[in-house]
Protein backbone atom coordinates (compact mmCIF):
# COMPACT_ATOMS: atom_id res chain seq x y z
CA MET A 1 -43.36 14.08 -36.90
CA LYS A 2 -40.13 16.00 -37.59
CA ASN A 3 -40.80 18.25 -34.61
CA ASN A 4 -41.19 15.22 -32.32
CA TRP A 5 -37.72 13.93 -33.26
CA ARG A 6 -36.22 17.34 -32.63
CA ALA A 7 -37.89 17.49 -29.23
CA ILE A 8 -36.60 14.01 -28.35
CA ILE A 9 -33.05 14.89 -29.46
CA PHE A 10 -33.25 18.16 -27.50
CA ILE A 11 -34.40 16.37 -24.35
CA LEU A 12 -31.73 13.67 -24.69
CA SER A 13 -28.93 16.09 -25.52
CA PHE A 14 -29.57 18.90 -23.09
CA ILE A 15 -31.48 17.40 -20.18
CA ILE A 16 -31.06 13.65 -19.73
CA LEU A 17 -27.45 13.23 -20.93
CA PRO A 18 -26.02 15.99 -18.69
CA ALA A 19 -28.00 14.62 -15.74
CA LEU A 20 -26.58 11.13 -16.32
CA ILE A 21 -23.05 12.52 -16.64
CA PHE A 22 -23.49 14.49 -13.41
CA ILE A 23 -24.75 11.43 -11.55
CA GLY A 24 -21.98 9.23 -12.97
CA CYS A 25 -19.26 11.71 -12.03
CA SER A 26 -20.51 12.42 -8.53
CA GLU A 27 -18.27 11.26 -5.73
CA LYS A 28 -19.26 8.04 -4.06
CA GLU A 29 -20.62 8.36 -0.57
CA GLU A 30 -17.81 8.12 1.95
CA LYS A 31 -18.53 5.79 4.82
CA GLU A 32 -17.33 6.56 8.29
CA PHE A 33 -15.80 3.80 10.35
CA TYR A 34 -14.32 3.13 13.75
CA LEU A 35 -11.73 0.71 15.13
CA LYS A 36 -12.63 -1.80 17.84
CA ASP A 37 -10.55 -4.86 18.78
CA ASP A 38 -8.36 -4.36 15.66
CA LEU A 39 -11.40 -4.52 13.36
CA LEU A 40 -13.01 -1.67 11.40
CA TYR A 41 -16.76 -1.14 11.76
CA GLU A 42 -19.17 1.17 9.90
CA VAL A 43 -20.49 4.03 12.01
CA GLY A 44 -24.24 3.77 12.47
CA SER A 45 -24.80 0.22 11.27
CA GLY A 46 -22.11 -1.42 13.40
CA LYS A 47 -21.36 -3.77 10.48
CA LEU A 48 -17.82 -4.84 9.72
CA PHE A 49 -16.42 -2.40 7.17
CA THR A 50 -15.55 -3.53 3.63
CA GLY A 51 -14.05 -1.12 1.13
CA THR A 52 -10.99 0.95 0.30
CA ILE A 53 -9.68 3.46 2.79
CA LYS A 54 -7.76 6.51 1.64
CA ASP A 55 -6.57 8.80 4.39
CA THR A 56 -3.97 11.50 4.93
CA VAL A 57 -1.60 11.16 7.89
CA ASN A 58 1.17 13.72 8.44
CA GLY A 59 0.88 14.84 4.81
CA LYS A 60 1.20 11.30 3.45
CA THR A 61 -1.58 9.40 1.71
CA VAL A 62 -2.35 5.96 3.10
CA ILE A 63 -4.45 3.65 0.91
CA TYR A 64 -5.52 0.15 1.86
CA GLU A 65 -8.24 -2.38 1.33
CA VAL A 66 -10.50 -3.70 4.07
CA VAL A 67 -12.59 -6.89 3.91
CA ASP A 68 -14.93 -7.83 6.75
CA GLY A 69 -13.20 -5.41 9.12
CA TYR A 70 -9.65 -6.61 8.43
CA LYS A 71 -6.96 -4.83 6.44
CA ASN A 72 -6.91 -7.32 3.59
CA GLY A 73 -5.27 -6.66 0.23
CA LYS A 74 -3.07 -3.90 -1.16
CA PHE A 75 -1.49 -1.41 1.23
CA GLU A 76 0.47 1.63 0.11
CA ILE A 77 1.74 4.95 1.36
CA LEU A 78 2.41 7.91 -0.94
CA ASN A 79 4.57 10.85 0.13
CA GLU A 80 3.57 14.52 -0.07
CA LYS A 81 4.60 14.62 -3.74
CA GLY A 82 2.50 11.57 -4.61
CA LYS A 83 5.48 9.22 -4.93
CA ARG A 84 5.13 5.74 -3.49
CA GLU A 85 6.97 5.22 -0.18
CA MET A 86 5.75 1.75 0.64
CA PHE A 87 3.79 -0.99 -1.10
CA GLY A 88 2.77 -4.48 -0.05
CA HIS A 89 -0.10 -6.72 0.89
CA VAL A 90 -1.87 -7.36 4.15
CA ILE A 91 -3.89 -10.42 5.13
CA LYS A 92 -6.05 -10.15 8.25
CA ASN A 93 -4.11 -7.08 9.49
CA LYS A 94 -0.70 -8.73 9.02
CA ASN A 95 1.98 -7.92 6.44
CA GLU A 96 2.31 -10.82 3.99
CA GLY A 97 4.28 -11.45 0.83
CA ASN A 98 6.54 -9.05 -1.05
CA TRP A 99 6.96 -5.53 0.32
CA ARG A 100 8.85 -2.66 -1.26
CA TYR A 101 10.03 0.58 0.36
CA PHE A 102 11.10 3.68 -1.56
CA TYR A 103 13.18 6.81 -1.06
CA PRO A 104 11.27 10.14 -1.27
CA ASP A 105 12.25 10.49 -4.95
CA GLY A 106 10.63 7.12 -5.75
CA THR A 107 13.77 4.98 -6.14
CA LEU A 108 13.75 1.58 -4.48
CA GLU A 109 15.18 1.57 -0.93
CA SER A 110 14.50 -2.05 0.10
CA GLU A 111 12.49 -5.12 -0.76
CA GLY A 112 11.71 -8.43 0.85
CA ASN A 113 9.00 -10.72 2.12
CA PHE A 114 6.85 -10.88 5.21
CA VAL A 115 5.28 -14.00 6.67
CA ASN A 116 2.75 -13.55 9.46
CA ASP A 117 3.88 -9.92 9.97
CA PHE A 118 7.61 -10.74 10.30
CA PRO A 119 10.39 -10.20 7.74
CA GLN A 120 11.22 -13.62 6.31
CA GLY A 121 13.71 -14.79 3.72
CA LYS A 122 15.96 -12.72 1.46
CA TRP A 123 15.95 -8.91 1.82
CA ASN A 124 17.87 -6.38 -0.24
CA PHE A 125 18.61 -2.76 0.71
CA TYR A 126 19.75 -0.20 -1.87
CA TYR A 127 21.49 3.15 -2.07
CA LYS A 128 19.67 6.01 -3.80
CA ASN A 129 21.84 5.38 -6.87
CA GLY A 130 20.30 1.89 -7.17
CA LYS A 131 23.41 -0.03 -6.10
CA LEU A 132 23.00 -2.80 -3.56
CA LYS A 133 23.78 -1.59 -0.02
CA GLU A 134 23.09 -4.70 2.05
CA SER A 135 21.68 -8.17 1.47
CA GLY A 136 20.78 -11.06 3.73
CA SER A 137 18.02 -13.20 5.16
CA PHE A 138 15.56 -12.98 8.00
CA VAL A 139 14.11 -15.89 9.94
CA ASN A 140 11.01 -15.01 11.98
CA GLY A 141 11.93 -11.32 11.90
CA LYS A 142 15.56 -11.77 12.95
CA ARG A 143 18.70 -11.46 10.83
CA MET A 144 20.10 -14.91 10.21
CA GLY A 145 23.09 -16.29 8.35
CA LEU A 146 25.37 -14.37 6.02
CA TRP A 147 24.71 -10.67 5.45
CA GLN A 148 26.77 -8.74 2.93
CA GLN A 149 27.34 -4.98 2.89
CA TYR A 150 28.48 -2.90 -0.09
CA ASP A 151 29.72 0.62 -0.74
CA GLU A 152 27.91 3.03 -3.09
CA LYS A 153 29.97 1.76 -6.03
CA GLY A 154 28.83 -1.82 -5.47
CA ASN A 155 32.05 -3.14 -3.90
CA LEU A 156 31.69 -5.69 -1.10
CA THR A 157 32.83 -4.06 2.17
CA ALA A 158 31.76 -6.51 4.87
CA GLU A 159 30.34 -9.95 5.50
CA ILE A 160 28.62 -10.61 8.80
CA THR A 161 27.20 -13.94 9.90
CA PHE A 162 24.29 -13.78 12.31
CA LYS A 163 23.69 -16.80 14.50
CA GLU A 164 20.42 -17.56 16.22
CA GLU A 165 21.44 -16.13 19.59
CA GLU A 166 22.80 -12.94 17.94
CA ALA A 167 19.93 -12.38 15.55
CA GLY A 168 18.10 -9.12 15.94
CA LYS A 169 20.88 -7.34 17.85
């Protein structure tokens, strides 16, 4: 009976356990996809793609979620050093909600909201030292109302008011 337990322990320890670890650590199968009419489809099946896409473009890593063919969920770009350059959310291929952009060293460059793929509401832009550079609001993607500009020490240097007919110039 003792020999049977030793054989079972040997089989579990040296055969089954390593096999399970190998299977668990194996990379997941990568699906190929193609773009048609702004939707992503799986190659072969022709089904709308759902999953996370991680790709390298010009040395930068682009990661985003896709649901039923649409970019839907988190979207981020990392620079060559792995630092975040951009982060936000996408709903049905359109930028939505809070977005943040970063300098190559990872410090915040700007932040604001998108509605239906257009900048909307309050946006702030920063110097690399973290001081506010510019602040104002967008309406349907156009600068609107009072915008304030600052120097690198945080001192107000200019105030510009954008009217509807001037917005976006």
